[in-house]
C-alpha atoms as a PDB file:
ATOM      1  CA  MET A   1      76.666 146.163 114.758  1.00  0.00           C
ATOM      2  CA  LEU A   2      74.152 148.028 113.085  1.00  0.00           C
ATOM      3  CA  SER A   3      71.556 146.828 115.565  1.00  0.00           C
ATOM      4  CA  ALA A   4      73.401 147.644 118.504  1.00  0.00           C
ATOM      5  CA  ALA A   5      73.663 151.232 116.745  1.00  0.00           C
ATOM      6  CA  LEU A   6      70.206 151.645 115.825  1.00  0.00           C
ATOM      7  CA  SER A   7      68.625 149.771 119.542  1.00  0.00           C
ATOM      8  CA  ALA A   8      70.633 152.535 121.201  1.00  0.00           C
ATOM      9  CA  TYR A   9      69.426 155.453 118.667  1.00  0.00           C
ATOM     10  CA  PHE A  10      66.209 154.988 119.411  1.00  0.00           C
ATOM     11  CA  LEU A  11      65.493 152.631 122.042  1.00  0.00           C
ATOM     12  CA  LEU A  12      68.042 153.929 124.783  1.00  0.00           C
ATOM     13  CA  GLU A  13      67.370 157.058 126.868  1.00  0.00           C
ATOM     14  CA  PRO A  14      68.232 159.981 125.406  1.00  0.00           C
ATOM     15  CA  ILE A  15      66.020 158.623 122.208  1.00  0.00           C
ATOM     16  CA  GLY A  16      67.896 160.275 119.140  1.00  0.00           C
ATOM     17  CA  ASN A  17      70.940 160.406 120.540  1.00  0.00           C
ATOM     18  CA  PHE A  18      73.611 157.605 120.726  1.00  0.00           C
ATOM     19  CA  ALA A  19      74.428 158.717 124.252  1.00  0.00           C
ATOM     20  CA  ILE A  20      73.566 156.520 126.902  1.00  0.00           C
ATOM     21  CA  ARG A  21      73.130 158.373 130.539  1.00  0.00           C
ATOM     22  CA  ASP A  22      72.399 155.001 132.430  1.00  0.00           C
ATOM     23  CA  PRO A  23      75.069 152.475 133.453  1.00  0.00           C
ATOM     24  CA  GLY A  24      72.845 149.529 133.458  1.00  0.00           C
ATOM     25  CA  GLN A  25      71.495 149.929 130.163  1.00  0.00           C
ATOM     26  CA  VAL A  26      75.427 150.530 129.111  1.00  0.00           C
ATOM     27  CA  LEU A  27      75.772 146.661 129.823  1.00  0.00           C
ATOM     28  CA  GLY A  28      72.501 145.556 128.992  1.00  0.00           C
ATOM     29  CA  TRP A  29      73.267 147.326 125.629  1.00  0.00           C
ATOM     30  CA  CYS A  30      77.092 145.660 125.338  1.00  0.00           C
ATOM     31  CA  LEU A  31      75.596 142.087 126.159  1.00  0.00           C
ATOM     32  CA  PHE A  32      73.017 142.513 123.407  1.00  0.00           C
ATOM     33  CA  MET A  33      76.102 143.826 121.043  1.00  0.00           C
ATOM     34  CA  VAL A  34      78.652 141.039 121.905  1.00  0.00           C
ATOM     35  CA  ILE A  35      75.423 138.032 121.612  1.00  0.00           C
ATOM     36  CA  GLY A  36      74.586 139.636 118.410  1.00  0.00           C
ATOM     37  CA  ILE A  37      78.498 139.034 117.673  1.00  0.00           C
ATOM     38  CA  ALA A  38      78.629 135.456 118.712  1.00  0.00           C
ATOM     39  CA  ILE A  39      75.221 134.705 116.821  1.00  0.00           C
ATOM     40  CA  THR A  40      76.389 136.141 113.816  1.00  0.00           C
ATOM     41  CA  LEU A  41      79.759 133.782 113.327  1.00  0.00           C
ATOM     42  CA  ILE A  42      77.735 130.846 114.389  1.00  0.00           C
ATOM     43  CA  ILE A  43      75.531 131.325 111.459  1.00  0.00           C
ATOM     44  CA  GLU A  44      78.518 132.244 109.309  1.00  0.00           C
ATOM     45  CA  ALA A  45      80.282 128.972 110.890  1.00  0.00           C
ATOM     46  CA  GLN A  46      77.367 126.888 109.984  1.00  0.00           C
ATOM     47  CA  HIS A  47      77.225 127.944 106.853  1.00  0.00           C
ATOM     48  CA  ALA A  48      81.106 127.578 105.957  1.00  0.00           C
ATOM     49  CA  ALA A  49      80.037 123.963 107.197  1.00  0.00           C
ATOM     50  CA  TYR A  50      77.261 123.220 105.007  1.00  0.00           C
ATOM     51  CA  ARG A  51      79.234 124.482 101.856  1.00  0.00           C
ATOM     52  CA  GLN A  52      82.151 122.164 102.632  1.00  0.00           C
ATOM     53  CA  LEU A  53      80.398 119.236 103.533  1.00  0.00           C
ATOM     54  CA  LYS A  54      78.203 119.867 100.108  1.00  0.00           C
ATOM     55  CA  GLU A  55      81.778 119.478  98.356  1.00  0.00           C
ATOM     56  CA  ALA A  56      82.726 116.497 100.265  1.00  0.00           C
ATOM     57  CA  HIS A  57      79.297 114.900  99.099  1.00  0.00           C
ATOM     58  CA  ALA A  58      80.131 115.749  95.434  1.00  0.00           C
ATOM     59  CA  GLU A  59      83.980 114.432  95.596  1.00  0.00           C
ATOM     60  CA  LEU A  60      82.370 111.820  97.133  1.00  0.00           C
ATOM     61  CA  LYS A  61      79.747 110.860  94.588  1.00  0.00           C
ATOM     62  CA  ARG A  62      82.493 111.684  91.980  1.00  0.00           C
ATOM     63  CA  ALA A  63      84.654 109.032  93.398  1.00  0.00           C
ATOM     64  CA  HIS A  64      82.197 106.238  93.604  1.00  0.00           C
ATOM     65  CA  GLU A  65      80.949 106.954  90.223  1.00  0.00           C
ATOM     66  CA  ALA A  66      84.803 106.360  89.100  1.00  0.00           C
ATOM     67  CA  ALA A  67      84.694 103.620  91.595  1.00  0.00           C
ATOM     68  CA  LYS A  68      81.676 102.171  90.182  1.00  0.00           C
ATOM     69  CA  ALA A  69      83.032 102.497  86.547  1.00  0.00           C
ATOM     70  CA  SER A  70      86.377 101.265  87.432  1.00  0.00           C
ATOM     71  CA  GLU A  71      84.251  98.131  88.891  1.00  0.00           C
ATOM     72  CA  ALA A  72      82.423  97.600  85.723  1.00  0.00           C
ATOM     73  CA  ASP A  73      85.436  98.058  83.427  1.00  0.00           C
ATOM     74  CA  LYS A  74      87.863  95.508  85.494  1.00  0.00           C
ATOM     75  CA  ALA A  75      84.673  93.340  85.081  1.00  0.00           C
ATOM     76  CA  GLU A  76      84.357  93.343  81.519  1.00  0.00           C
ATOM     77  CA  LEU A  77      87.932  92.866  81.308  1.00  0.00           C
ATOM     78  CA  LEU A  78      88.089  90.077  84.550  1.00  0.00           C
ATOM     79  CA  VAL A  79      84.656  88.386  82.147  1.00  0.00           C
ATOM     80  CA  GLU A  80      86.989  89.082  78.878  1.00  0.00           C
ATOM     81  CA  SER A  81      90.261  87.483  80.853  1.00  0.00           C
ATOM     82  CA  ASN A  82      88.418  84.470  81.536  1.00  0.00           C
ATOM     83  CA  HIS A  83      87.017  83.895  78.143  1.00  0.00           C
ATOM     84  CA  ARG A  84      90.480  83.804  76.375  1.00  0.00           C
ATOM     85  CA  ILE A  85      91.666  81.390  78.936  1.00  0.00           C
ATOM     86  CA  MET A  86      88.847  79.243  78.749  1.00  0.00           C
ATOM     87  CA  ASN A  87      88.678  79.420  74.570  1.00  0.00           C
ATOM     88  CA  ASN A  88      93.386  78.486  74.843  1.00  0.00           C
ATOM     89  CA  LEU A  89      92.818  75.431  77.220  1.00  0.00           C
ATOM     90  CA  HIS A  90      90.152  73.861  74.523  1.00  0.00           C
ATOM     91  CA  THR A  91      92.324  74.780  71.925  1.00  0.00           C
ATOM     92  CA  VAL A  92      95.360  73.086  73.793  1.00  0.00           C
ATOM     93  CA  VAL A  93      92.931  70.142  74.152  1.00  0.00           C
ATOM     94  CA  SER A  94      91.865  69.799  70.603  1.00  0.00           C
ATOM     95  CA  LEU A  95      95.515  70.205  69.654  1.00  0.00           C
ATOM     96  CA  LEU A  96      96.567  67.222  71.962  1.00  0.00           C
ATOM     97  CA  HIS A  97      94.157  65.313  70.274  1.00  0.00           C
ATOM     98  CA  LEU A  98      94.526  66.091  67.165  1.00  0.00           C
ATOM     99  CA  GLN A  99      98.408  64.991  67.640  1.00  0.00           C
ATOM    100  CA  ALA A 100      97.232  62.135  69.416  1.00  0.00           C
ATOM    101  CA  ARG A 101      95.630  60.563  66.428  1.00  0.00           C
ATOM    102  CA  SER A 102      98.737  61.237  64.071  1.00  0.00           C
ATOM    103  CA  THR A 103     100.735  59.107  66.749  1.00  0.00           C
ATOM    104  CA  LYS A 104     101.532  55.355  68.355  1.00  0.00           C
ATOM    105  CA  GLU A 105     101.460  54.218  71.353  1.00  0.00           C
ATOM    106  CA  PRO A 106     102.650  54.549  73.835  1.00  0.00           C
ATOM    107  CA  THR A 107     103.233  58.458  72.430  1.00  0.00           C
ATOM    108  CA  ARG A 108      99.543  58.275  71.862  1.00  0.00           C
ATOM    109  CA  GLU A 109      98.192  57.670  75.715  1.00  0.00           C
ATOM    110  CA  ASP A 110     100.241  60.276  77.019  1.00  0.00           C
ATOM    111  CA  PHE A 111      99.052  62.934  74.735  1.00  0.00           C
ATOM    112  CA  MET A 112      95.281  61.973  75.704  1.00  0.00           C
ATOM    113  CA  THR A 113      96.699  62.125  79.304  1.00  0.00           C
ATOM    114  CA  ALA A 114      97.865  65.175  78.747  1.00  0.00           C
ATOM    115  CA  ALA A 115      94.520  66.313  77.222  1.00  0.00           C
ATOM    116  CA  GLU A 116      92.514  64.791  79.668  1.00  0.00           C
ATOM    117  CA  ARG A 117      94.502  67.134  82.422  1.00  0.00           C
ATOM    118  CA  VAL A 118      94.335  70.245  80.818  1.00  0.00           C
ATOM    119  CA  SER A 119      90.395  69.724  80.080  1.00  0.00           C
ATOM    120  CA  VAL A 120      90.148  69.027  84.088  1.00  0.00           C
ATOM    121  CA  MET A 121      91.752  72.702  84.661  1.00  0.00           C
ATOM    122  CA  ALA A 122      89.112  74.534  81.617  1.00  0.00           C
ATOM    123  CA  LYS A 123      86.416  72.475  83.905  1.00  0.00           C
ATOM    124  CA  VAL A 124      87.822  73.682  87.523  1.00  0.00           C
ATOM    125  CA  GLN A 125      88.402  77.272  85.973  1.00  0.00           C
ATOM    126  CA  ARG A 126      84.567  77.165  83.968  1.00  0.00           C
ATOM    127  CA  ARG A 127      83.244  76.266  88.163  1.00  0.00           C
ATOM    128  CA  LEU A 128      85.349  79.192  89.634  1.00  0.00           C
ATOM    129  CA  VAL A 129      84.103  81.505  87.306  1.00  0.00           C
ATOM    130  CA  ARG A 130      80.620  81.006  88.005  1.00  0.00           C
ATOM    131  CA  LEU A 131      81.531  82.052  91.596  1.00  0.00           C
ATOM    132  CA  GLU A 132      81.827  86.002  90.682  1.00  0.00           C
ATOM    133  CA  GLY A 133      84.167  87.662  92.840  1.00  0.00           C
ATOM    134  CA  ALA A 134      83.937  85.100  95.310  1.00  0.00           C
ATOM    135  CA  VAL A 135      87.057  84.568  98.119  1.00  0.00           C
ATOM    136  CA  LEU A 136      85.771  81.021  98.814  1.00  0.00           C
ATOM    137  CA  ALA A 137      84.019  78.067  96.912  1.00  0.00           C
ATOM    138  CA  ASP A 138      81.916  75.811  98.718  1.00  0.00           C
ATOM    139  CA  SER A 139      83.712  72.195  98.692  1.00  0.00           C
ATOM    140  CA  ARG A 140      80.607  70.041  98.335  1.00  0.00           C
ATOM    141  CA  PRO A 141      79.277  71.552  95.469  1.00  0.00           C
ATOM    142  CA  PHE A 142      82.675  71.957  93.569  1.00  0.00           C
ATOM    143  CA  ILE A 143      84.028  68.387  94.087  1.00  0.00           C
ATOM    144  CA  GLU A 144      80.393  67.139  93.877  1.00  0.00           C
ATOM    145  CA  GLU A 145      80.415  68.473  90.290  1.00  0.00           C
ATOM    146  CA  LEU A 146      83.929  68.391  89.454  1.00  0.00           C
ATOM    147  CA  CYS A 147      83.678  64.209  90.042  1.00  0.00           C
ATOM    148  CA  CYS A 148      80.753  63.801  88.338  1.00  0.00           C
ATOM    149  CA  ASP A 149      82.130  65.763  85.235  1.00  0.00           C
ATOM    150  CA  LEU A 150      85.332  63.495  85.893  1.00  0.00           C
ATOM    151  CA  GLU A 151      82.932  60.076  86.234  1.00  0.00           C
ATOM    152  CA  ALA A 152      81.470  60.566  82.795  1.00  0.00           C
ATOM    153  CA  ALA A 153      85.040  61.023  81.728  1.00  0.00           C
ATOM    154  CA  LEU A 154      86.772  58.606  82.622  1.00  0.00           C
ATOM    155  CA  ILE A 155      84.846  55.600  83.891  1.00  0.00           C
ATOM    156  CA  GLY A 156      81.677  55.470  81.243  1.00  0.00           C
ATOM    157  CA  LEU A 157      80.690  51.932  81.168  1.00  0.00           C
ATOM    158  CA  ARG A 158      83.195  50.637  83.241  1.00  0.00           C
ATOM    159  CA  PRO A 159      81.630  48.498  86.459  1.00  0.00           C
ATOM    160  CA  ILE A 160      83.661  50.811  88.910  1.00  0.00           C
ATOM    161  CA  ARG A 161      81.197  53.005  90.955  1.00  0.00           C
ATOM    162  CA  LEU A 162      81.935  56.655  92.152  1.00  0.00           C
ATOM    163  CA  ASP A 163      80.665  57.752  95.519  1.00  0.00           C
ATOM    164  CA  VAL A 164      80.994  61.405  96.489  1.00  0.00           C
ATOM    165  CA  GLU A 165      80.173  62.277 100.312  1.00  0.00           C
ATOM    166  CA  ALA A 166      81.295  66.042 100.685  1.00  0.00           C
ATOM    167  CA  GLU A 167      81.008  68.352 103.426  1.00  0.00           C
ATOM    168  CA  SER A 168      80.262  72.084 103.182  1.00  0.00           C
ATOM    169  CA  HIS A 169      83.915  73.405 104.243  1.00  0.00           C
ATOM    170  CA  SER A 170      84.940  76.990 102.164  1.00  0.00           C
ATOM    171  CA  ILE A 171      88.323  76.329 100.102  1.00  0.00           C
ATOM    172  CA  PRO A 172      90.261  80.048  99.188  1.00  0.00           C
ATOM    173  CA  LEU A 173      90.156  80.183  95.728  1.00  0.00           C
ATOM    174  CA  ASN A 174      93.299  80.155  94.573  1.00  0.00           C
ATOM    175  CA  GLN A 175      93.661  76.596  95.980  1.00  0.00           C
ATOM    176  CA  ALA A 176      90.602  75.215  94.678  1.00  0.00           C
ATOM    177  CA  VAL A 177      91.846  74.394  91.178  1.00  0.00           C
ATOM    178  CA  SER A 178      94.967  72.383  93.249  1.00  0.00           C
ATOM    179  CA  VAL A 179      92.714  70.617  94.825  1.00  0.00           C
ATOM    180  CA  GLY A 180      90.769  69.999  92.188  1.00  0.00           C
ATOM    181  CA  LEU A 181      93.574  68.648  89.929  1.00  0.00           C
ATOM    182  CA  ILE A 182      95.038  66.642  92.533  1.00  0.00           C
ATOM    183  CA  ILE A 183      91.388  64.697  92.627  1.00  0.00           C
ATOM    184  CA  ASN A 184      91.658  64.121  88.754  1.00  0.00           C
ATOM    185  CA  GLU A 185      95.161  62.584  89.044  1.00  0.00           C
ATOM    186  CA  LEU A 186      94.244  60.678  92.006  1.00  0.00           C
ATOM    187  CA  LEU A 187      90.777  59.019  90.131  1.00  0.00           C
ATOM    188  CA  VAL A 188      93.307  58.632  87.193  1.00  0.00           C
ATOM    189  CA  ASN A 189      95.686  56.503  88.646  1.00  0.00           C
ATOM    190  CA  ALA A 190      92.905  54.387  90.649  1.00  0.00           C
ATOM    191  CA  LEU A 191      91.047  53.767  87.217  1.00  0.00           C
ATOM    192  CA  LYS A 192      94.527  53.219  85.661  1.00  0.00           C
ATOM    193  CA  TYR A 193      95.971  50.635  88.362  1.00  0.00           C
ATOM    194  CA  ALA A 194      93.767  49.491  90.878  1.00  0.00           C
ATOM    195  CA  PHE A 195      90.865  47.967  88.371  1.00  0.00           C
ATOM    196  CA  PRO A 196      93.151  46.365  85.662  1.00  0.00           C
ATOM    197  CA  GLY A 197      90.708  44.934  82.384  1.00  0.00           C
ATOM    198  CA  ASP A 198      87.292  44.919  83.077  1.00  0.00           C
ATOM    199  CA  ARG A 199      87.661  44.159  86.979  1.00  0.00           C
ATOM    200  CA  SER A 200      84.336  46.005  89.248  1.00  0.00           C
ATOM    201  CA  GLY A 201      85.094  48.403  92.073  1.00  0.00           C
ATOM    202  CA  HIS A 202      84.486  50.906  94.512  1.00  0.00           C
ATOM    203  CA  VAL A 203      85.924  54.490  94.361  1.00  0.00           C
ATOM    204  CA  ARG A 204      84.935  57.036  96.858  1.00  0.00           C
ATOM    205  CA  VAL A 205      85.939  60.579  97.512  1.00  0.00           C
ATOM    206  CA  THR A 206      85.066  62.114 100.749  1.00  0.00           C
ATOM    207  CA  VAL A 207      85.075  65.932 102.816  1.00  0.00           C
ATOM    208  CA  THR A 208      85.515  65.886 106.232  1.00  0.00           C
ATOM    209  CA  ARG A 209      86.155  68.199 109.063  1.00  0.00           C
ATOM    210  CA  THR A 210      88.172  66.735 112.066  1.00  0.00           C
ATOM    211  CA  ASP A 211      88.977  69.311 115.072  1.00  0.00           C
ATOM    212  CA  GLN A 212      90.448  71.851 112.975  1.00  0.00           C
ATOM    213  CA  GLU A 213      92.135  69.996 109.977  1.00  0.00           C
ATOM    214  CA  TYR A 214      89.669  69.067 106.722  1.00  0.00           C
ATOM    215  CA  CYS A 215      90.075  65.497 104.976  1.00  0.00           C
ATOM    216  CA  LEU A 216      89.629  65.082 101.197  1.00  0.00           C
ATOM    217  CA  ALA A 217      89.861  61.214 101.067  1.00  0.00           C
ATOM    218  CA  VAL A 218      89.926  59.167  97.855  1.00  0.00           C
ATOM    219  CA  SER A 219      90.015  55.932  98.177  1.00  0.00           C
ATOM    220  CA  ASP A 220      89.348  52.640  96.143  1.00  0.00           C
ATOM    221  CA  ASN A 221      88.997  48.870  96.917  1.00  0.00           C
ATOM    222  CA  GLY A 222      91.251  47.965  94.165  1.00  0.00           C
ATOM    223  CA  VAL A 223      94.406  45.408  93.903  1.00  0.00           C
ATOM    224  CA  GLY A 224      96.248  47.207  96.250  1.00  0.00           C
ATOM    225  CA  LEU A 225      99.783  48.727  96.321  1.00  0.00           C
ATOM    226  CA  PRO A 226     102.739  46.566  95.933  1.00  0.00           C
ATOM    227  CA  ALA A 227     104.379  45.052  98.696  1.00  0.00           C
ATOM    228  CA  THR A 228     107.795  47.107  98.060  1.00  0.00           C
ATOM    229  CA  GLN A 229     106.234  50.336  98.383  1.00  0.00           C
ATOM    230  CA  GLY A 230     106.852  52.311 101.516  1.00  0.00           C
ATOM    231  CA  SER A 231     104.151  54.638 103.635  1.00  0.00           C
ATOM    232  CA  THR A 232     106.386  57.607 102.096  1.00  0.00           C
ATOM    233  CA  PRO A 233     106.723  58.610  98.037  1.00  0.00           C
ATOM    234  CA  SER A 234     110.218  59.014  96.993  1.00  0.00           C
ATOM    235  CA  ALA A 235     111.525  62.453  96.465  1.00  0.00           C
ATOM    236  CA  THR A 236     112.618  60.627  93.306  1.00  0.00           C
ATOM    237  CA  SER A 237     109.787  59.182  91.933  1.00  0.00           C
ATOM    238  CA  THR A 238     109.537  59.191  88.080  1.00  0.00           C
ATOM    239  CA  GLY A 239     105.483  58.677  87.560  1.00  0.00           C
ATOM    240  CA  LEU A 240     104.919  61.702  85.708  1.00  0.00           C
ATOM    241  CA  GLY A 241     101.112  61.411  87.778  1.00  0.00           C
ATOM    242  CA  GLN A 242     103.340  61.343  91.451  1.00  0.00           C
ATOM    243  CA  ARG A 243     105.261  64.311  90.552  1.00  0.00           C
ATOM    244  CA  LEU A 244     102.205  66.775  89.772  1.00  0.00           C
ATOM    245  CA  ILE A 245     100.732  65.255  92.933  1.00  0.00           C
ATOM    246  CA  ARG A 246     104.177  66.437  94.700  1.00  0.00           C
ATOM    247  CA  SER A 247     104.184  69.643  92.861  1.00  0.00           C
ATOM    248  CA  PHE A 248     100.083  70.642  93.595  1.00  0.00           C
ATOM    249  CA  VAL A 249     100.722  69.042  97.274  1.00  0.00           C
ATOM    250  CA  MET A 250     103.605  71.978  97.706  1.00  0.00           C
ATOM    251  CA  GLN A 251     101.518  74.734  96.245  1.00  0.00           C
ATOM    252  CA  LEU A 252      99.804  74.020  99.090  1.00  0.00           C
ATOM    253  CA  ASN A 253     101.980  73.976 101.295  1.00  0.00           C
ATOM    254  CA  GLY A 254     101.914  70.437 102.395  1.00  0.00           C
ATOM    255  CA  ARG A 255     103.082  67.119 102.657  1.00  0.00           C
ATOM    256  CA  HIS A 256     102.363  63.743 101.622  1.00  0.00           C
ATOM    257  CA  GLU A 257     102.927  59.997 102.271  1.00  0.00           C
ATOM    258  CA  ILE A 258     102.039  56.631 100.928  1.00  0.00           C
ATOM    259  CA  GLU A 259     100.364  53.704 103.114  1.00  0.00           C
ATOM    260  CA  PRO A 260     100.068  50.389 101.714  1.00  0.00           C
ATOM    261  CA  LEU A 261      97.029  48.455 102.466  1.00  0.00           C
ATOM    262  CA  SER A 262      96.262  44.522 102.160  1.00  0.00           C
ATOM    263  CA  HIS A 263      94.880  43.816  98.682  1.00  0.00           C
ATOM    264  CA  GLY A 264      91.031  44.459  97.712  1.00  0.00           C
ATOM    265  CA  THR A 265      89.765  42.672 100.912  1.00  0.00           C
ATOM    266  CA  GLY A 266      85.843  44.336 100.665  1.00  0.00           C
ATOM    267  CA  ARG A 267      85.333  46.308 103.954  1.00  0.00           C
ATOM    268  CA  SER A 268      82.352  48.570 104.884  1.00  0.00           C
ATOM    269  CA  GLU A 269      82.420  52.225 105.330  1.00  0.00           C
ATOM    270  CA  PRO A 270      84.306  54.475 106.864  1.00  0.00           C
ATOM    271  CA  GLY A 271      87.509  52.809 105.238  1.00  0.00           C
ATOM    272  CA  LEU A 272      88.098  51.176 102.066  1.00  0.00           C
ATOM    273  CA  PRO A 273      91.024  49.033 101.003  1.00  0.00           C
ATOM    274  CA  CYS A 274      93.141  50.776  98.611  1.00  0.00           C
ATOM    275  CA  GLN A 275      96.019  50.909  97.138  1.00  0.00           C
ATOM    276  CA  GLY A 276      97.898  53.411  98.323  1.00  0.00           C
ATOM    277  CA  VAL A 277      96.746  56.948 100.746  1.00  0.00           C
ATOM    278  CA  LEU A 278      98.484  60.280 100.232  1.00  0.00           C
ATOM    279  CA  PHE A 279      97.449  63.370 102.360  1.00  0.00           C
ATOM    280  CA  ALA A 280      98.582  66.647 102.312  1.00  0.00           C
ATOM    281  CA  LYS A 281      98.104  69.492 104.670  1.00  0.00           C
ATOM    282  CA  PHE A 282      98.245  73.191 103.478  1.00  0.00           C
ATOM    283  CA  CYS A 283      96.928  76.635 105.702  1.00  0.00           C
ATOM    284  CA  LEU A 284      94.154  79.175 104.715  1.00  0.00           C
ATOM    285  CA  SER A 285      95.341  82.132 105.038  1.00  0.00           C
ATOM    286  CA  PRO A 286      93.182  84.665 107.558  1.00  0.00           C
ATOM    287  CA  ALA A 287      93.446  87.202 105.360  1.00  0.00           C
ATOM    288  CA  MET A 288      91.403  85.258 102.592  1.00  0.00           C
ATOM    289  CA  VAL A 289      88.345  83.736 105.370  1.00  0.00           C
ATOM    290  CA  SER A 290      85.186  85.756 104.679  1.00  0.00           C
ATOM    291  CA  PRO A 291      83.783  87.439 108.554  1.00  0.00           C
ATOM    292  CA  GLY A 292      81.965  85.009 110.838  1.00  0.00           C
ATOM    293  CA  PHE A 293      84.403  81.981 109.264  1.00  0.00           C
ATOM    294  CA  THR A 294      86.556  79.929 111.861  1.00  0.00           C
ATOM    295  CA  ALA A 295      89.732  79.567 109.636  1.00  0.00           C
ATOM    296  CA  PRO A 296      91.204  76.172 110.329  1.00  0.00           C
ATOM    297  CA  GLU A 297      94.985  75.953 111.340  1.00  0.00           C
ATOM    298  CA  ASP A 298      95.782  73.914 108.520  1.00  0.00           C
ATOM    299  CA  VAL A 299      93.751  71.246 105.646  1.00  0.00           C
ATOM    300  CA  LYS A 300      94.180  67.376 105.199  1.00  0.00           C
ATOM    301  CA  ALA A 301      93.344  66.001 102.300  1.00  0.00           C
ATOM    302  CA  TRP A 302      93.937  62.154 102.092  1.00  0.00           C
ATOM    303  CA  LEU A 303      94.458  60.892  98.448  1.00  0.00           C
ATOM    304  CA  THR A 304      95.352  58.314  96.542  1.00  0.00           C
ATOM    305  CA  ALA A 305      98.957  57.935  94.896  1.00  0.00           C
ATOM    306  CA  ASP A 306      99.748  56.039  91.876  1.00  0.00           C
END
């Protein structure tokens, strides 16, 4: 407004007067004033937008710092929690071993078996902790390393060979624990029942993908299942290992069967005579699958039963 008044006073005829004689100059003066007002409003709007953007940036920075601090606290709490879990599991294993020493057979064997199961849980937990926040575990290193630990603990100097052939597939962490415990139960069963005495043998663990299904197979060339055992595990089976396997399979939303085969007649790969076969099928939640990973409809695990 001031610039419009000064232009009329000093630039338009008559000079030194706010009156404008020429109607054409009045139109130009009005356009000058409108443009000046518009430019002023635009500049003010830009200043307001800049102030809002600056405030939003500051707020975003504060939120980012708060989230970073929260993530650090969460990571520290998770590390502490995992450390306590590992300590508690090892304490339970030690207590079971101490109790086993003060008891007689067959109770001693039950305590040792329980200690081994808890020890497997600790090993699985330790391997999952190393993934540092990942949602999925790679089946190949997970199963190979677990079987290596189990071979050292369960087989020792016995004349039994354990082979692991695992393809690389993704397993949700919340299902990896159940998979690891199932493998432990099946290996324990194979070593306990399929190879009595000092009998030599071969146990194989394989992980393959067939169409939209994953197959986890634990097989052996041991003495075989009794001919009286059917192809479907009884829901009332009293074996603890069998009940644990059913429980773990239920956690995976699966099912299992027992398929008795002929006694240990040697057979070349891919099939091997085994005392029984159990398979479990479980689903992968799409919400837990990383981008670019095609989730199978389900996962089938072929496992040896007691």
